[in-house]
Amino acid sequence: MVTAESGPARDFYVAVFGYTLDANPDMPELDFTFLRRPDGHEIGGIAGDPKATKSRWGTLFQVDDADAAARRAVDAGGASAEPYDTVYGRVANITDPFGTEFDVCAAMTS
């Protein structure tokens, strides 16, 4: 989730689902908190962005190869931004033929 007000969002999801919160040690300069189920499984995160005009959830699918997934999306009638690297993996933003945006991410290999 991206929201201008991350504190109330964290409070809400903890109260509703009983999630636990973990800071993001990989990118301490960002206001990002991992949401975890009571069993510790990560299910998402909350990113604070003061410039966000509307709170929204995004969808990220894990893939083996983000570049190949982006090419397949374009070949199937969608669109893709140029894939880029993050500390967690290679990411591509894809838009399906119906206008829905989502991201794919391939884990970085050592």
PDB file of N, CA and C in Angstrom:
ATOM      1  N   MET A   1       0.838  -1.157   0.000  1.00  0.00           N
ATOM      2  CA  MET A   1       0.000   0.000   0.000  1.00  0.00           C
ATOM      3  C   MET A   1       0.891   1.232   0.000  1.00  0.00           C
ATOM      4  N   VAL A   2       0.496   2.227  -0.758  1.00  0.00           N
ATOM      5  CA  VAL A   2       1.137   3.538  -0.746  1.00  0.00           C
ATOM      6  C   VAL A   2       0.124   4.522  -0.194  1.00  0.00           C
ATOM      7  N   THR A   3       0.541   5.306   0.779  1.00  0.00           N
ATOM      8  CA  THR A   3      -0.370   6.245   1.423  1.00  0.00           C
ATOM      9  C   THR A   3       0.404   7.428   1.985  1.00  0.00           C
ATOM     10  N   ALA A   4      -0.243   8.558   2.059  1.00  0.00           N
ATOM     11  CA  ALA A   4       0.387   9.735   2.658  1.00  0.00           C
ATOM     12  C   ALA A   4       0.448   9.611   4.175  1.00  0.00           C
ATOM     13  N   GLU A   5      -0.431   8.809   4.766  1.00  0.00           N
ATOM     14  CA  GLU A   5      -0.501   8.677   6.216  1.00  0.00           C
ATOM     15  C   GLU A   5      -0.259   7.226   6.625  1.00  0.00           C
ATOM     16  N   SER A   6       1.015   6.857   6.744  1.00  0.00           N
ATOM     17  CA  SER A   6       1.363   5.462   7.005  1.00  0.00           C
ATOM     18  C   SER A   6       1.029   5.021   8.429  1.00  0.00           C
ATOM     19  N   GLY A   7       1.118   5.902   9.406  1.00  0.00           N
ATOM     20  CA  GLY A   7       0.828   5.520  10.792  1.00  0.00           C
ATOM     21  C   GLY A   7      -0.585   4.996  10.982  1.00  0.00           C
ATOM     22  N   PRO A   8      -1.612   5.766  10.577  1.00  0.00           N
ATOM     23  CA  PRO A   8      -2.984   5.252  10.698  1.00  0.00           C
ATOM     24  C   PRO A   8      -3.219   3.986   9.872  1.00  0.00           C
ATOM     25  N   ALA A   9      -2.560   3.861   8.726  1.00  0.00           N
ATOM     26  CA  ALA A   9      -2.715   2.647   7.910  1.00  0.00           C
ATOM     27  C   ALA A   9      -2.147   1.439   8.654  1.00  0.00           C
ATOM     28  N   ARG A  10      -0.978   1.603   9.257  1.00  0.00           N
ATOM     29  CA  ARG A  10      -0.401   0.495  10.034  1.00  0.00           C
ATOM     30  C   ARG A  10      -1.345   0.104  11.169  1.00  0.00           C
ATOM     31  N   ASP A  11      -1.848   1.087  11.897  1.00  0.00           N
ATOM     32  CA  ASP A  11      -2.760   0.810  13.007  1.00  0.00           C
ATOM     33  C   ASP A  11      -3.997   0.053  12.529  1.00  0.00           C
ATOM     34  N   PHE A  12      -4.556   0.452  11.397  1.00  0.00           N
ATOM     35  CA  PHE A  12      -5.765  -0.165  10.864  1.00  0.00           C
ATOM     36  C   PHE A  12      -5.538  -1.650  10.559  1.00  0.00           C
ATOM     37  N   TYR A  13      -4.488  -1.977   9.810  1.00  0.00           N
ATOM     38  CA  TYR A  13      -4.289  -3.365   9.396  1.00  0.00           C
ATOM     39  C   TYR A  13      -3.890  -4.266  10.559  1.00  0.00           C
ATOM     40  N   VAL A  14      -3.223  -3.714  11.559  1.00  0.00           N
ATOM     41  CA  VAL A  14      -2.937  -4.492  12.768  1.00  0.00           C
ATOM     42  C   VAL A  14      -4.246  -4.794  13.496  1.00  0.00           C
ATOM     43  N   ALA A  15      -5.109  -3.774  13.644  1.00  0.00           N
ATOM     44  CA  ALA A  15      -6.368  -3.959  14.363  1.00  0.00           C
ATOM     45  C   ALA A  15      -7.312  -4.915  13.640  1.00  0.00           C
ATOM     46  N   VAL A  16      -7.398  -4.825  12.319  1.00  0.00           N
ATOM     47  CA  VAL A  16      -8.349  -5.638  11.565  1.00  0.00           C
ATOM     48  C   VAL A  16      -7.874  -7.077  11.409  1.00  0.00           C
ATOM     49  N   PHE A  17      -6.589  -7.271  11.066  1.00  0.00           N
ATOM     50  CA  PHE A  17      -6.098  -8.606  10.729  1.00  0.00           C
ATOM     51  C   PHE A  17      -5.147  -9.212  11.756  1.00  0.00           C
ATOM     52  N   GLY A  18      -4.723  -8.429  12.739  1.00  0.00           N
ATOM     53  CA  GLY A  18      -3.772  -8.951  13.716  1.00  0.00           C
ATOM     54  C   GLY A  18      -2.367  -9.104  13.154  1.00  0.00           C
ATOM     55  N   TYR A  19      -2.067  -8.370  12.095  1.00  0.00           N
ATOM     56  CA  TYR A  19      -0.727  -8.439  11.504  1.00  0.00           C
ATOM     57  C   TYR A  19       0.308  -7.869  12.453  1.00  0.00           C
ATOM     58  N   THR A  20       1.542  -8.323  12.286  1.00  0.00           N
ATOM     59  CA  THR A  20       2.666  -7.698  12.969  1.00  0.00           C
ATOM     60  C   THR A  20       3.375  -6.810  11.962  1.00  0.00           C
ATOM     61  N   LEU A  21       4.154  -5.887  12.471  1.00  0.00           N
ATOM     62  CA  LEU A  21       4.847  -4.905  11.634  1.00  0.00           C
ATOM     63  C   LEU A  21       6.349  -5.051  11.802  1.00  0.00           C
ATOM     64  N   ASP A  22       7.068  -4.977  10.699  1.00  0.00           N
ATOM     65  CA  ASP A  22       8.529  -4.999  10.736  1.00  0.00           C
ATOM     66  C   ASP A  22       9.062  -3.862   9.890  1.00  0.00           C
ATOM     67  N   ALA A  23      10.025  -3.159  10.433  1.00  0.00           N
ATOM     68  CA  ALA A  23      10.693  -2.102   9.668  1.00  0.00           C
ATOM     69  C   ALA A  23      11.470  -2.732   8.524  1.00  0.00           C
ATOM     70  N   ASN A  24      11.855  -1.921   7.568  1.00  0.00           N
ATOM     71  CA  ASN A  24      12.620  -2.400   6.422  1.00  0.00           C
ATOM     72  C   ASN A  24      14.087  -2.038   6.616  1.00  0.00           C
ATOM     73  N   PRO A  25      14.909  -2.981   7.068  1.00  0.00           N
ATOM     74  CA  PRO A  25      16.319  -2.670   7.310  1.00  0.00           C
ATOM     75  C   PRO A  25      17.131  -2.465   6.027  1.00  0.00           C
ATOM     76  N   ASP A  26      16.605  -2.932   4.885  1.00  0.00           N
ATOM     77  CA  ASP A  26      17.342  -2.808   3.628  1.00  0.00           C
ATOM     78  C   ASP A  26      17.294  -1.411   3.047  1.00  0.00           C
ATOM     79  N   MET A  27      16.260  -0.653   3.379  1.00  0.00           N
ATOM     80  CA  MET A  27      16.110   0.707   2.859  1.00  0.00           C
ATOM     81  C   MET A  27      15.642   1.625   3.991  1.00  0.00           C
ATOM     82  N   PRO A  28      16.528   1.903   4.963  1.00  0.00           N
ATOM     83  CA  PRO A  28      16.109   2.672   6.135  1.00  0.00           C
ATOM     84  C   PRO A  28      15.688   4.103   5.819  1.00  0.00           C
ATOM     85  N   GLU A  29      16.060   4.620   4.659  1.00  0.00           N
ATOM     86  CA  GLU A  29      15.677   5.986   4.297  1.00  0.00           C
ATOM     87  C   GLU A  29      14.219   6.090   3.868  1.00  0.00           C
ATOM     88  N   LEU A  30      13.565   4.953   3.619  1.00  0.00           N
ATOM     89  CA  LEU A  30      12.160   4.951   3.197  1.00  0.00           C
ATOM     90  C   LEU A  30      11.241   4.691   4.383  1.00  0.00           C
ATOM     91  N   ASP A  31      10.051   5.235   4.330  1.00  0.00           N
ATOM     92  CA  ASP A  31       9.009   4.931   5.296  1.00  0.00           C
ATOM     93  C   ASP A  31       8.266   3.708   4.762  1.00  0.00           C
ATOM     94  N   PHE A  32       8.788   2.517   5.067  1.00  0.00           N
ATOM     95  CA  PHE A  32       8.192   1.281   4.581  1.00  0.00           C
ATOM     96  C   PHE A  32       8.141   0.282   5.723  1.00  0.00           C
ATOM     97  N   THR A  33       6.996  -0.354   5.891  1.00  0.00           N
ATOM     98  CA  THR A  33       6.796  -1.346   6.940  1.00  0.00           C
ATOM     99  C   THR A  33       6.234  -2.613   6.322  1.00  0.00           C
ATOM    100  N   PHE A  34       6.857  -3.758   6.628  1.00  0.00           N
ATOM    101  CA  PHE A  34       6.328  -5.041   6.188  1.00  0.00           C
ATOM    102  C   PHE A  34       5.135  -5.428   7.053  1.00  0.00           C
ATOM    103  N   LEU A  35       4.094  -5.968   6.430  1.00  0.00           N
ATOM    104  CA  LEU A  35       2.950  -6.545   7.135  1.00  0.00           C
ATOM    105  C   LEU A  35       3.143  -8.062   7.142  1.00  0.00           C
ATOM    106  N   ARG A  36       3.016  -8.668   8.328  1.00  0.00           N
ATOM    107  CA  ARG A  36       3.175 -10.121   8.437  1.00  0.00           C
ATOM    108  C   ARG A  36       1.972 -10.717   9.160  1.00  0.00           C
ATOM    109  N   ARG A  37       1.554 -11.879   8.669  1.00  0.00           N
ATOM    110  CA  ARG A  37       0.500 -12.622   9.356  1.00  0.00           C
ATOM    111  C   ARG A  37       1.022 -13.054  10.726  1.00  0.00           C
ATOM    112  N   PRO A  38       0.140 -13.496  11.621  1.00  0.00           N
ATOM    113  CA  PRO A  38       0.611 -13.957  12.933  1.00  0.00           C
ATOM    114  C   PRO A  38       1.641 -15.084  12.857  1.00  0.00           C
ATOM    115  N   ASP A  39       1.633 -15.883  11.768  1.00  0.00           N
ATOM    116  CA  ASP A  39       2.626 -16.951  11.627  1.00  0.00           C
ATOM    117  C   ASP A  39       3.953 -16.450  11.081  1.00  0.00           C
ATOM    118  N   GLY A  40       4.071 -15.122  10.837  1.00  0.00           N
ATOM    119  CA  GLY A  40       5.323 -14.535  10.367  1.00  0.00           C
ATOM    120  C   GLY A  40       5.435 -14.399   8.868  1.00  0.00           C
ATOM    121  N   HIS A  41       4.494 -14.945   8.109  1.00  0.00           N
ATOM    122  CA  HIS A  41       4.547 -14.867   6.650  1.00  0.00           C
ATOM    123  C   HIS A  41       4.275 -13.439   6.189  1.00  0.00           C
ATOM    124  N   GLU A  42       5.164 -12.905   5.363  1.00  0.00           N
ATOM    125  CA  GLU A  42       4.988 -11.551   4.827  1.00  0.00           C
ATOM    126  C   GLU A  42       3.881 -11.551   3.787  1.00  0.00           C
ATOM    127  N   ILE A  43       2.941 -10.607   3.922  1.00  0.00           N
ATOM    128  CA  ILE A  43       1.827 -10.539   2.966  1.00  0.00           C
ATOM    129  C   ILE A  43       1.778  -9.218   2.210  1.00  0.00           C
ATOM    130  N   GLY A  44       2.620  -8.275   2.581  1.00  0.00           N
ATOM    131  CA  GLY A  44       2.589  -6.981   1.906  1.00  0.00           C
ATOM    132  C   GLY A  44       3.337  -5.951   2.713  1.00  0.00           C
ATOM    133  N   GLY A  45       3.090  -4.704   2.373  1.00  0.00           N
ATOM    134  CA  GLY A  45       3.762  -3.639   3.089  1.00  0.00           C
ATOM    135  C   GLY A  45       3.044  -2.317   2.915  1.00  0.00           C
ATOM    136  N   ILE A  46       3.419  -1.389   3.775  1.00  0.00           N
ATOM    137  CA  ILE A  46       2.865  -0.044   3.727  1.00  0.00           C
ATOM    138  C   ILE A  46       4.006   0.930   3.491  1.00  0.00           C
ATOM    139  N   ALA A  47       3.882   1.694   2.416  1.00  0.00           N
ATOM    140  CA  ALA A  47       4.883   2.705   2.073  1.00  0.00           C
ATOM    141  C   ALA A  47       4.289   4.080   2.310  1.00  0.00           C
ATOM    142  N   GLY A  48       4.956   4.858   3.134  1.00  0.00           N
ATOM    143  CA  GLY A  48       4.525   6.229   3.366  1.00  0.00           C
ATOM    144  C   GLY A  48       5.122   7.149   2.319  1.00  0.00           C
ATOM    145  N   ASP A  49       4.273   7.880   1.643  1.00  0.00           N
ATOM    146  CA  ASP A  49       4.711   8.848   0.632  1.00  0.00           C
ATOM    147  C   ASP A  49       3.889  10.115   0.833  1.00  0.00           C
ATOM    148  N   PRO A  50       4.483  11.156   1.435  1.00  0.00           N
ATOM    149  CA  PRO A  50       3.733  12.380   1.705  1.00  0.00           C
ATOM    150  C   PRO A  50       3.105  13.007   0.459  1.00  0.00           C
ATOM    151  N   LYS A  51       3.635  12.670  -0.736  1.00  0.00           N
ATOM    152  CA  LYS A  51       3.099  13.230  -1.982  1.00  0.00           C
ATOM    153  C   LYS A  51       1.923  12.427  -2.538  1.00  0.00           C
ATOM    154  N   ALA A  52       1.624  11.286  -1.916  1.00  0.00           N
ATOM    155  CA  ALA A  52       0.515  10.462  -2.406  1.00  0.00           C
ATOM    156  C   ALA A  52      -0.797  11.220  -2.242  1.00  0.00           C
ATOM    157  N   THR A  53      -1.531  11.351  -3.327  1.00  0.00           N
ATOM    158  CA  THR A  53      -2.821  12.059  -3.270  1.00  0.00           C
ATOM    159  C   THR A  53      -3.969  11.118  -2.959  1.00  0.00           C
ATOM    160  N   LYS A  54      -3.734   9.806  -3.118  1.00  0.00           N
ATOM    161  CA  LYS A  54      -4.756   8.800  -2.855  1.00  0.00           C
ATOM    162  C   LYS A  54      -4.052   7.539  -2.374  1.00  0.00           C
ATOM    163  N   SER A  55      -4.572   6.913  -1.340  1.00  0.00           N
ATOM    164  CA  SER A  55      -4.009   5.647  -0.879  1.00  0.00           C
ATOM    165  C   SER A  55      -4.416   4.545  -1.837  1.00  0.00           C
ATOM    166  N   ARG A  56      -3.485   3.612  -2.068  1.00  0.00           N
ATOM    167  CA  ARG A  56      -3.795   2.528  -3.001  1.00  0.00           C
ATOM    168  C   ARG A  56      -2.933   1.315  -2.698  1.00  0.00           C
ATOM    169  N   TRP A  57      -3.463   0.163  -3.035  1.00  0.00           N
ATOM    170  CA  TRP A  57      -2.701  -1.073  -2.979  1.00  0.00           C
ATOM    171  C   TRP A  57      -2.154  -1.354  -4.366  1.00  0.00           C
ATOM    172  N   GLY A  58      -1.006  -1.966  -4.439  1.00  0.00           N
ATOM    173  CA  GLY A  58      -0.432  -2.415  -5.700  1.00  0.00           C
ATOM    174  C   GLY A  58      -0.260  -3.923  -5.645  1.00  0.00           C
ATOM    175  N   THR A  59      -0.174  -4.538  -6.804  1.00  0.00           N
ATOM    176  CA  THR A  59       0.012  -5.980  -6.887  1.00  0.00           C
ATOM    177  C   THR A  59       1.367  -6.278  -7.489  1.00  0.00           C
ATOM    178  N   LEU A  60       2.099  -7.196  -6.858  1.00  0.00           N
ATOM    179  CA  LEU A  60       3.409  -7.611  -7.338  1.00  0.00           C
ATOM    180  C   LEU A  60       3.417  -9.127  -7.428  1.00  0.00           C
ATOM    181  N   PHE A  61       3.747  -9.642  -8.603  1.00  0.00           N
ATOM    182  CA  PHE A  61       3.853 -11.084  -8.806  1.00  0.00           C
ATOM    183  C   PHE A  61       5.326 -11.458  -8.872  1.00  0.00           C
ATOM    184  N   GLN A  62       5.709 -12.527  -8.168  1.00  0.00           N
ATOM    185  CA  GLN A  62       7.074 -13.014  -8.260  1.00  0.00           C
ATOM    186  C   GLN A  62       7.204 -13.870  -9.518  1.00  0.00           C
ATOM    187  N   VAL A  63       8.240 -13.606 -10.301  1.00  0.00           N
ATOM    188  CA  VAL A  63       8.504 -14.345 -11.535  1.00  0.00           C
ATOM    189  C   VAL A  63       9.969 -14.771 -11.545  1.00  0.00           C
ATOM    190  N   ASP A  64      10.301 -15.694 -12.433  1.00  0.00           N
ATOM    191  CA  ASP A  64      11.690 -16.127 -12.552  1.00  0.00           C
ATOM    192  C   ASP A  64      12.550 -15.112 -13.286  1.00  0.00           C
ATOM    193  N   ASP A  65      11.950 -14.398 -14.249  1.00  0.00           N
ATOM    194  CA  ASP A  65      12.701 -13.466 -15.097  1.00  0.00           C
ATOM    195  C   ASP A  65      11.799 -12.276 -15.431  1.00  0.00           C
ATOM    196  N   ALA A  66      12.079 -11.127 -14.820  1.00  0.00           N
ATOM    197  CA  ALA A  66      11.229  -9.945 -15.019  1.00  0.00           C
ATOM    198  C   ALA A  66      11.294  -9.443 -16.457  1.00  0.00           C
ATOM    199  N   ASP A  67      12.458  -9.494 -17.074  1.00  0.00           N
ATOM    200  CA  ASP A  67      12.592  -9.029 -18.458  1.00  0.00           C
ATOM    201  C   ASP A  67      11.769  -9.893 -19.403  1.00  0.00           C
ATOM    202  N   ALA A  68      11.829 -11.211 -19.192  1.00  0.00           N
ATOM    203  CA  ALA A  68      11.055 -12.123 -20.047  1.00  0.00           C
ATOM    204  C   ALA A  68       9.554 -11.927 -19.815  1.00  0.00           C
ATOM    205  N   ALA A  69       9.145 -11.736 -18.574  1.00  0.00           N
ATOM    206  CA  ALA A  69       7.726 -11.503 -18.291  1.00  0.00           C
ATOM    207  C   ALA A  69       7.253 -10.218 -18.950  1.00  0.00           C
ATOM    208  N   ALA A  70       8.094  -9.178 -18.920  1.00  0.00           N
ATOM    209  CA  ALA A  70       7.736  -7.905 -19.562  1.00  0.00           C
ATOM    210  C   ALA A  70       7.581  -8.089 -21.066  1.00  0.00           C
ATOM    211  N   ARG A  71       8.486  -8.842 -21.682  1.00  0.00           N
ATOM    212  CA  ARG A  71       8.390  -9.095 -23.134  1.00  0.00           C
ATOM    213  C   ARG A  71       7.127  -9.873 -23.465  1.00  0.00           C
ATOM    214  N   ARG A  72       6.816 -10.893 -22.650  1.00  0.00           N
ATOM    215  CA  ARG A  72       5.600 -11.683 -22.893  1.00  0.00           C
ATOM    216  C   ARG A  72       4.356 -10.820 -22.751  1.00  0.00           C
ATOM    217  N   ALA A  73       4.369  -9.892 -21.794  1.00  0.00           N
ATOM    218  CA  ALA A  73       3.214  -9.006 -21.613  1.00  0.00           C
ATOM    219  C   ALA A  73       3.013  -8.135 -22.848  1.00  0.00           C
ATOM    220  N   VAL A  74       4.086  -7.599 -23.395  1.00  0.00           N
ATOM    221  CA  VAL A  74       3.997  -6.766 -24.598  1.00  0.00           C
ATOM    222  C   VAL A  74       3.515  -7.609 -25.773  1.00  0.00           C
ATOM    223  N   ASP A  75       4.067  -8.820 -25.913  1.00  0.00           N
ATOM    224  CA  ASP A  75       3.665  -9.707 -27.007  1.00  0.00           C
ATOM    225  C   ASP A  75       2.181 -10.080 -26.919  1.00  0.00           C
ATOM    226  N   ALA A  76       1.639 -10.090 -25.697  1.00  0.00           N
ATOM    227  CA  ALA A  76       0.240 -10.465 -25.493  1.00  0.00           C
ATOM    228  C   ALA A  76      -0.710  -9.270 -25.560  1.00  0.00           C
ATOM    229  N   GLY A  77      -0.184  -8.083 -25.929  1.00  0.00           N
ATOM    230  CA  GLY A  77      -1.047  -6.921 -26.097  1.00  0.00           C
ATOM    231  C   GLY A  77      -0.993  -5.906 -24.975  1.00  0.00           C
ATOM    232  N   GLY A  78      -0.142  -6.134 -23.983  1.00  0.00           N
ATOM    233  CA  GLY A  78       0.009  -5.186 -22.885  1.00  0.00           C
ATOM    234  C   GLY A  78       1.158  -4.229 -23.140  1.00  0.00           C
ATOM    235  N   ALA A  79       1.573  -3.542 -22.094  1.00  0.00           N
ATOM    236  CA  ALA A  79       2.702  -2.611 -22.182  1.00  0.00           C
ATOM    237  C   ALA A  79       3.577  -2.823 -20.957  1.00  0.00           C
ATOM    238  N   SER A  80       4.842  -2.438 -21.084  1.00  0.00           N
ATOM    239  CA  SER A  80       5.756  -2.562 -19.957  1.00  0.00           C
ATOM    240  C   SER A  80       6.740  -1.415 -19.955  1.00  0.00           C
ATOM    241  N   ALA A  81       6.997  -0.905 -18.762  1.00  0.00           N
ATOM    242  CA  ALA A  81       8.094   0.040 -18.594  1.00  0.00           C
ATOM    243  C   ALA A  81       9.396  -0.761 -18.605  1.00  0.00           C
ATOM    244  N   GLU A  82      10.494  -0.087 -18.802  1.00  0.00           N
ATOM    245  CA  GLU A  82      11.804  -0.747 -18.787  1.00  0.00           C
ATOM    246  C   GLU A  82      12.041  -1.356 -17.402  1.00  0.00           C
ATOM    247  N   PRO A  83      12.381  -2.642 -17.321  1.00  0.00           N
ATOM    248  CA  PRO A  83      12.674  -3.249 -16.021  1.00  0.00           C
ATOM    249  C   PRO A  83      13.860  -2.547 -15.344  1.00  0.00           C
ATOM    250  N   TYR A  84      13.854  -2.558 -14.006  1.00  0.00           N
ATOM    251  CA  TYR A  84      14.917  -1.903 -13.244  1.00  0.00           C
ATOM    252  C   TYR A  84      15.255  -2.753 -12.020  1.00  0.00           C
ATOM    253  N   ASP A  85      16.436  -2.524 -11.467  1.00  0.00           N
ATOM    254  CA  ASP A  85      16.913  -3.294 -10.319  1.00  0.00           C
ATOM    255  C   ASP A  85      16.622  -2.568  -9.004  1.00  0.00           C
ATOM    256  N   THR A  86      16.252  -3.344  -7.986  1.00  0.00           N
ATOM    257  CA  THR A  86      16.085  -2.858  -6.621  1.00  0.00           C
ATOM    258  C   THR A  86      16.908  -3.760  -5.707  1.00  0.00           C
ATOM    259  N   VAL A  87      16.941  -3.450  -4.421  1.00  0.00           N
ATOM    260  CA  VAL A  87      17.670  -4.316  -3.496  1.00  0.00           C
ATOM    261  C   VAL A  87      17.022  -5.700  -3.391  1.00  0.00           C
ATOM    262  N   TYR A  88      15.753  -5.816  -3.750  1.00  0.00           N
ATOM    263  CA  TYR A  88      15.056  -7.093  -3.646  1.00  0.00           C
ATOM    264  C   TYR A  88      15.028  -7.887  -4.940  1.00  0.00           C
ATOM    265  N   GLY A  89      15.222  -7.235  -6.077  1.00  0.00           N
ATOM    266  CA  GLY A  89      15.185  -7.954  -7.335  1.00  0.00           C
ATOM    267  C   GLY A  89      14.942  -7.026  -8.499  1.00  0.00           C
ATOM    268  N   ARG A  90      14.796  -7.625  -9.661  1.00  0.00           N
ATOM    269  CA  ARG A  90      14.542  -6.884 -10.893  1.00  0.00           C
ATOM    270  C   ARG A  90      13.034  -6.757 -11.068  1.00  0.00           C
ATOM    271  N   VAL A  91      12.561  -5.528 -11.280  1.00  0.00           N
ATOM    272  CA  VAL A  91      11.133  -5.222 -11.299  1.00  0.00           C
ATOM    273  C   VAL A  91      10.741  -4.630 -12.646  1.00  0.00           C
ATOM    274  N   ALA A  92       9.552  -4.972 -13.113  1.00  0.00           N
ATOM    275  CA  ALA A  92       8.971  -4.334 -14.293  1.00  0.00           C
ATOM    276  C   ALA A  92       7.530  -3.964 -13.975  1.00  0.00           C
ATOM    277  N   ASN A  93       7.142  -2.751 -14.369  1.00  0.00           N
ATOM    278  CA  ASN A  93       5.759  -2.315 -14.240  1.00  0.00           C
ATOM    279  C   ASN A  93       5.053  -2.645 -15.547  1.00  0.00           C
ATOM    280  N   ILE A  94       3.977  -3.396 -15.451  1.00  0.00           N
ATOM    281  CA  ILE A  94       3.250  -3.870 -16.628  1.00  0.00           C
ATOM    282  C   ILE A  94       1.818  -3.336 -16.584  1.00  0.00           C
ATOM    283  N   THR A  95       1.290  -3.022 -17.754  1.00  0.00           N
ATOM    284  CA  THR A  95      -0.116  -2.643 -17.896  1.00  0.00           C
ATOM    285  C   THR A  95      -0.752  -3.646 -18.844  1.00  0.00           C
ATOM    286  N   ASP A  96      -1.827  -4.280 -18.375  1.00  0.00           N
ATOM    287  CA  ASP A  96      -2.485  -5.260 -19.240  1.00  0.00           C
ATOM    288  C   ASP A  96      -3.307  -4.542 -20.316  1.00  0.00           C
ATOM    289  N   PRO A  97      -3.840  -5.269 -21.296  1.00  0.00           N
ATOM    290  CA  PRO A  97      -4.587  -4.624 -22.384  1.00  0.00           C
ATOM    291  C   PRO A  97      -5.842  -3.878 -21.924  1.00  0.00           C
ATOM    292  N   PHE A  98      -6.241  -4.078 -20.660  1.00  0.00           N
ATOM    293  CA  PHE A  98      -7.454  -3.469 -20.136  1.00  0.00           C
ATOM    294  C   PHE A  98      -7.154  -2.247 -19.266  1.00  0.00           C
ATOM    295  N   GLY A  99      -5.857  -1.909 -19.150  1.00  0.00           N
ATOM    296  CA  GLY A  99      -5.449  -0.725 -18.392  1.00  0.00           C
ATOM    297  C   GLY A  99      -5.063  -0.972 -16.948  1.00  0.00           C
ATOM    298  N   THR A 100      -5.069  -2.217 -16.495  1.00  0.00           N
ATOM    299  CA  THR A 100      -4.710  -2.530 -15.113  1.00  0.00           C
ATOM    300  C   THR A 100      -3.194  -2.634 -14.977  1.00  0.00           C
ATOM    301  N   GLU A 101      -2.657  -1.928 -13.997  1.00  0.00           N
ATOM    302  CA  GLU A 101      -1.214  -1.957 -13.759  1.00  0.00           C
ATOM    303  C   GLU A 101      -0.871  -2.940 -12.650  1.00  0.00           C
ATOM    304  N   PHE A 102       0.283  -3.589 -12.797  1.00  0.00           N
ATOM    305  CA  PHE A 102       0.839  -4.456 -11.763  1.00  0.00           C
ATOM    306  C   PHE A 102       2.336  -4.533 -11.990  1.00  0.00           C
ATOM    307  N   ASP A 103       3.033  -5.065 -11.002  1.00  0.00           N
ATOM    308  CA  ASP A 103       4.481  -5.230 -11.120  1.00  0.00           C
ATOM    309  C   ASP A 103       4.830  -6.704 -11.073  1.00  0.00           C
ATOM    310  N   VAL A 104       5.954  -7.042 -11.704  1.00  0.00           N
ATOM    311  CA  VAL A 104       6.553  -8.360 -11.571  1.00  0.00           C
ATOM    312  C   VAL A 104       7.948  -8.150 -11.023  1.00  0.00           C
ATOM    313  N   CYS A 105       8.423  -9.132 -10.264  1.00  0.00           N
ATOM    314  CA  CYS A 105       9.753  -9.021  -9.666  1.00  0.00           C
ATOM    315  C   CYS A 105      10.429 -10.382  -9.704  1.00  0.00           C
ATOM    316  N   ALA A 106      11.670 -10.404 -10.144  1.00  0.00           N
ATOM    317  CA  ALA A 106      12.498 -11.588 -10.115  1.00  0.00           C
ATOM    318  C   ALA A 106      13.571 -11.358  -9.049  1.00  0.00           C
ATOM    319  N   ALA A 107      13.700 -12.282  -8.121  1.00  0.00           N
ATOM    320  CA  ALA A 107      14.688 -12.144  -7.049  1.00  0.00           C
ATOM    321  C   ALA A 107      16.088 -12.026  -7.634  1.00  0.00           C
ATOM    322  N   MET A 108      16.908 -11.222  -6.981  1.00  0.00           N
ATOM    323  CA  MET A 108      18.302 -11.084  -7.394  1.00  0.00           C
ATOM    324  C   MET A 108      19.020 -12.390  -7.143  1.00  0.00           C
ATOM    325  N   THR A 109      19.908 -12.746  -8.025  1.00  0.00           N
ATOM    326  CA  THR A 109      20.720 -13.939  -7.828  1.00  0.00           C
ATOM    327  C   THR A 109      22.090 -13.500  -7.347  1.00  0.00           C
ATOM    328  N   SER A 110      22.718 -14.350  -6.570  1.00  0.00           N
ATOM    329  CA  SER A 110      24.019 -13.992  -5.994  1.00  0.00           C
ATOM    330  C   SER A 110      25.108 -13.968  -7.022  1.00  0.00           C
TER     331      SER A 110
END
